[in-house]
Structure formats: structure tokens, C-alpha cells
C-alpha atoms as a PDB file:
ATOM      1  CA  MET A   1      44.229 158.567 130.839  1.00  0.00           C
ATOM      2  CA  LYS A   2      44.620 161.373 133.326  1.00  0.00           C
ATOM      3  CA  VAL A   3      46.802 164.145 131.964  1.00  0.00           C
ATOM      4  CA  TYR A   4      49.714 164.803 134.296  1.00  0.00           C
ATOM      5  CA  MET A   5      49.670 168.261 135.858  1.00  0.00           C
ATOM      6  CA  PRO A   6      51.884 168.905 138.888  1.00  0.00           C
ATOM      7  CA  ASN A   7      49.303 170.803 140.934  1.00  0.00           C
ATOM      8  CA  ARG A   8      46.397 168.485 140.206  1.00  0.00           C
ATOM      9  CA  GLU A   9      44.685 166.756 143.107  1.00  0.00           C
ATOM     10  CA  TRP A  10      45.412 163.043 142.726  1.00  0.00           C
ATOM     11  CA  PRO A  11      43.700 160.008 144.287  1.00  0.00           C
ATOM     12  CA  PRO A  12      45.879 158.099 146.810  1.00  0.00           C
ATOM     13  CA  ARG A  13      46.775 155.282 144.402  1.00  0.00           C
ATOM     14  CA  TYR A  14      47.998 157.843 141.842  1.00  0.00           C
ATOM     15  CA  GLN A  15      49.958 159.680 144.542  1.00  0.00           C
ATOM     16  CA  GLU A  16      51.841 156.449 145.305  1.00  0.00           C
ATOM     17  CA  VAL A  17      52.817 156.099 141.647  1.00  0.00           C
ATOM     18  CA  LEU A  18      53.783 159.762 141.349  1.00  0.00           C
ATOM     19  CA  SER A  19      55.996 159.461 144.449  1.00  0.00           C
ATOM     20  CA  GLU A  20      57.851 156.609 142.783  1.00  0.00           C
ATOM     21  CA  LEU A  21      58.117 158.481 139.478  1.00  0.00           C
ATOM     22  CA  GLU A  22      59.853 161.316 141.337  1.00  0.00           C
ATOM     23  CA  LYS A  23      62.686 158.813 141.889  1.00  0.00           C
ATOM     24  CA  VAL A  24      63.128 158.119 138.149  1.00  0.00           C
ATOM     25  CA  THR A  25      65.833 160.350 136.684  1.00  0.00           C
ATOM     26  CA  ASP A  26      65.659 161.982 133.270  1.00  0.00           C
ATOM     27  CA  PRO A  27      69.221 161.462 131.973  1.00  0.00           C
ATOM     28  CA  VAL A  28      68.947 164.536 129.736  1.00  0.00           C
ATOM     29  CA  THR A  29      68.057 167.078 132.450  1.00  0.00           C
ATOM     30  CA  GLY A  30      69.339 165.246 135.523  1.00  0.00           C
ATOM     31  CA  GLY A  31      66.023 165.944 137.263  1.00  0.00           C
ATOM     32  CA  ASP A  32      63.126 163.626 137.842  1.00  0.00           C
ATOM     33  CA  VAL A  33      60.787 162.659 134.995  1.00  0.00           C
ATOM     34  CA  LEU A  34      57.882 164.604 136.484  1.00  0.00           C
ATOM     35  CA  SER A  35      59.750 167.898 136.771  1.00  0.00           C
ATOM     36  CA  SER A  36      61.353 167.536 133.352  1.00  0.00           C
ATOM     37  CA  GLY A  37      58.003 167.121 131.589  1.00  0.00           C
ATOM     38  CA  VAL A  38      58.588 163.576 130.347  1.00  0.00           C
ATOM     39  CA  ILE A  39      55.329 162.224 131.798  1.00  0.00           C
ATOM     40  CA  ALA A  40      52.281 163.251 129.763  1.00  0.00           C
ATOM     41  CA  GLY A  41      49.668 161.132 131.531  1.00  0.00           C
ATOM     42  CA  LEU A  42      48.936 158.026 133.497  1.00  0.00           C
ATOM     43  CA  GLU A  43      46.244 155.551 134.348  1.00  0.00           C
ATOM     44  CA  VAL A  44      46.363 153.481 137.528  1.00  0.00           C
ATOM     45  CA  ALA A  45      44.192 150.397 137.969  1.00  0.00           C
ATOM     46  CA  GLU A  46      44.297 147.553 140.498  1.00  0.00           C
ATOM     47  CA  ASP A  47      47.032 145.534 138.788  1.00  0.00           C
ATOM     48  CA  THR A  48      47.806 147.637 135.702  1.00  0.00           C
ATOM     49  CA  LEU A  49      49.775 150.836 135.249  1.00  0.00           C
ATOM     50  CA  LYS A  50      49.737 152.792 132.010  1.00  0.00           C
ATOM     51  CA  ILE A  51      52.033 155.758 131.443  1.00  0.00           C
ATOM     52  CA  TRP A  52      52.213 158.078 128.438  1.00  0.00           C
ATOM     53  CA  LEU A  53      55.547 159.755 127.727  1.00  0.00           C
ATOM     54  CA  ASN A  54      55.749 163.192 126.203  1.00  0.00           C
ATOM     55  CA  PHE A  55      57.346 162.183 122.900  1.00  0.00           C
ATOM     56  CA  GLU A  56      56.524 160.534 119.604  1.00  0.00           C
ATOM     57  CA  SER A  57      58.497 157.498 118.544  1.00  0.00           C
ATOM     58  CA  HIS A  58      59.904 157.467 115.046  1.00  0.00           C
ATOM     59  CA  ALA A  59      62.103 154.601 113.902  1.00  0.00           C
ATOM     60  CA  GLU A  60      64.473 156.809 111.912  1.00  0.00           C
ATOM     61  CA  TYR A  61      64.852 159.222 114.841  1.00  0.00           C
ATOM     62  CA  ASN A  62      65.387 156.417 117.323  1.00  0.00           C
ATOM     63  CA  LEU A  63      68.286 155.077 115.256  1.00  0.00           C
ATOM     64  CA  THR A  64      70.159 158.366 115.292  1.00  0.00           C
ATOM     65  CA  GLY A  65      68.911 160.495 118.172  1.00  0.00           C
ATOM     66  CA  ALA A  66      70.612 160.678 121.544  1.00  0.00           C
ATOM     67  CA  SER A  67      67.251 161.427 123.133  1.00  0.00           C
ATOM     68  CA  ALA A  68      66.083 157.965 122.081  1.00  0.00           C
ATOM     69  CA  ILE A  69      68.704 156.456 124.386  1.00  0.00           C
ATOM     70  CA  ALA A  70      67.456 158.652 127.224  1.00  0.00           C
ATOM     71  CA  TYR A  71      63.865 157.563 126.621  1.00  0.00           C
ATOM     72  CA  SER A  72      64.949 153.911 126.528  1.00  0.00           C
ATOM     73  CA  LYS A  73      66.596 154.356 129.915  1.00  0.00           C
ATOM     74  CA  ILE A  74      63.486 156.046 131.313  1.00  0.00           C
ATOM     75  CA  ILE A  75      61.232 153.278 129.972  1.00  0.00           C
ATOM     76  CA  GLY A  76      63.469 150.607 131.479  1.00  0.00           C
ATOM     77  CA  ASP A  77      63.655 152.391 134.824  1.00  0.00           C
ATOM     78  CA  ILE A  78      59.866 152.770 135.011  1.00  0.00           C
ATOM     79  CA  ILE A  79      59.244 149.116 134.179  1.00  0.00           C
ATOM     80  CA  GLU A  80      61.896 147.997 136.669  1.00  0.00           C
ATOM     81  CA  ARG A  81      60.410 150.181 139.417  1.00  0.00           C
ATOM     82  CA  PHE A  82      56.802 149.050 138.951  1.00  0.00           C
ATOM     83  CA  ALA A  83      56.690 145.615 137.286  1.00  0.00           C
ATOM     84  CA  LEU A  84      55.899 142.808 139.745  1.00  0.00           C
ATOM     85  CA  THR A  85      56.652 144.986 142.755  1.00  0.00           C
ATOM     86  CA  LYS A  86      53.500 147.094 142.436  1.00  0.00           C
ATOM     87  CA  PHE A  87      51.697 146.027 139.233  1.00  0.00           C
ATOM     88  CA  ASN A  88      51.355 142.825 137.219  1.00  0.00           C
ATOM     89  CA  ASN A  89      51.090 144.779 133.979  1.00  0.00           C
ATOM     90  CA  VAL A  90      52.963 147.932 132.997  1.00  0.00           C
ATOM     91  CA  TYR A  91      52.399 149.663 129.668  1.00  0.00           C
ATOM     92  CA  ILE A  92      54.301 152.712 128.479  1.00  0.00           C
ATOM     93  CA  TYR A  93      53.094 154.640 125.434  1.00  0.00           C
ATOM     94  CA  ASP A  94      54.251 157.550 123.329  1.00  0.00           C
ATOM     95  CA  LEU A  95      51.938 160.445 122.432  1.00  0.00           C
ATOM     96  CA  LYS A  96      50.580 158.556 119.425  1.00  0.00           C
ATOM     97  CA  ASN A  97      49.418 155.809 121.817  1.00  0.00           C
ATOM     98  CA  ILE A  98      52.049 153.434 120.433  1.00  0.00           C
ATOM     99  CA  PRO A  99      53.392 151.010 123.069  1.00  0.00           C
ATOM    100  CA  VAL A 100      57.095 151.664 123.655  1.00  0.00           C
ATOM    101  CA  GLY A 101      57.454 149.495 126.764  1.00  0.00           C
ATOM    102  CA  VAL A 102      55.357 146.534 127.857  1.00  0.00           C
ATOM    103  CA  PHE A 103      55.512 144.175 130.823  1.00  0.00           C
ATOM    104  CA  GLU A 104      52.739 141.614 131.187  1.00  0.00           C
ATOM    105  CA  ASN A 105      52.820 139.069 133.986  1.00  0.00           C
ATOM    106  CA  LYS A 106      50.854 136.372 132.186  1.00  0.00           C
ATOM    107  CA  ARG A 107      52.144 133.529 134.356  1.00  0.00           C
ATOM    108  CA  GLY A 108      51.438 135.109 137.726  1.00  0.00           C
ATOM    109  CA  TYR A 109      55.012 135.407 138.935  1.00  0.00           C
ATOM    110  CA  THR A 110      55.775 137.243 142.165  1.00  0.00           C
ATOM    111  CA  ILE A 111      58.837 139.300 143.023  1.00  0.00           C
ATOM    112  CA  GLU A 112      60.039 136.389 145.184  1.00  0.00           C
ATOM    113  CA  ASP A 113      60.118 134.153 142.097  1.00  0.00           C
ATOM    114  CA  ILE A 114      62.797 136.292 140.473  1.00  0.00           C
ATOM    115  CA  SER A 115      64.581 137.745 143.492  1.00  0.00           C
ATOM    116  CA  THR A 116      68.256 136.864 143.818  1.00  0.00           C
ATOM    117  CA  GLU A 117      68.404 137.776 147.502  1.00  0.00           C
ATOM    118  CA  GLY A 118      69.114 134.792 149.709  1.00  0.00           C
ATOM    119  CA  ALA A 119      70.193 132.669 146.744  1.00  0.00           C
END
């Protein structure tokens, strides 16, 4: 994992991912997830993206905390933005390295297979 730091020099493939993450809104702050400090780190491979979010998941907190809803929205938005369109596998982890969002394209689907455009 590469720790996310705004002023770090990133390889081109990471820059592409970071540009897309700038479009994901943090519902708590209203800013993007990079500026709000939600992204702790990332790892970009050929067909796999791994992102670590700057929180720890706790079942009892997730049942009662409003922030849990915000994190769920962020996780969903990240998976929607990257799954199939840019990566076959997307994994999102908390700071304890616990998976909190997983998309695995085990059957080799393409975006055209699920697109509703032209239907």
C-alpha cells in the first residue's frame, strides 16, 4: 500500500485513480474524499484496485453512527466508479485491513454486459 499524501509524486496509473477519487464526494464534509482525509492509502495493479479508508469499522458503531452511513455511501461510490469500468477487482479496507467493500469479477463480465444503454 502507498500511503496517500496530497503532494506525493504519483505514477501515471495512480494519478488516473486519484483524478477519479477527486470526483467522489464525502457526504459529511461536502468535499472530495481526498481533501477530506478519507483516503488513507491505495494500491493500483493491472486489474486490481485496493483502497484503504481512514477509519476503523466496528459493528456496534456502524449500527448507531451517522458516519457509518457516510462511509457506506463512499464505499458504494468508489466501487461504482471503478468496478468493471477500470478494474476487474476492487477492494476497500478499513485501517485494520478488514475488507469493507469488495467487487470481484470472477466471471469476466465487461461493462457492456451490464449496461442498460441501448436496451
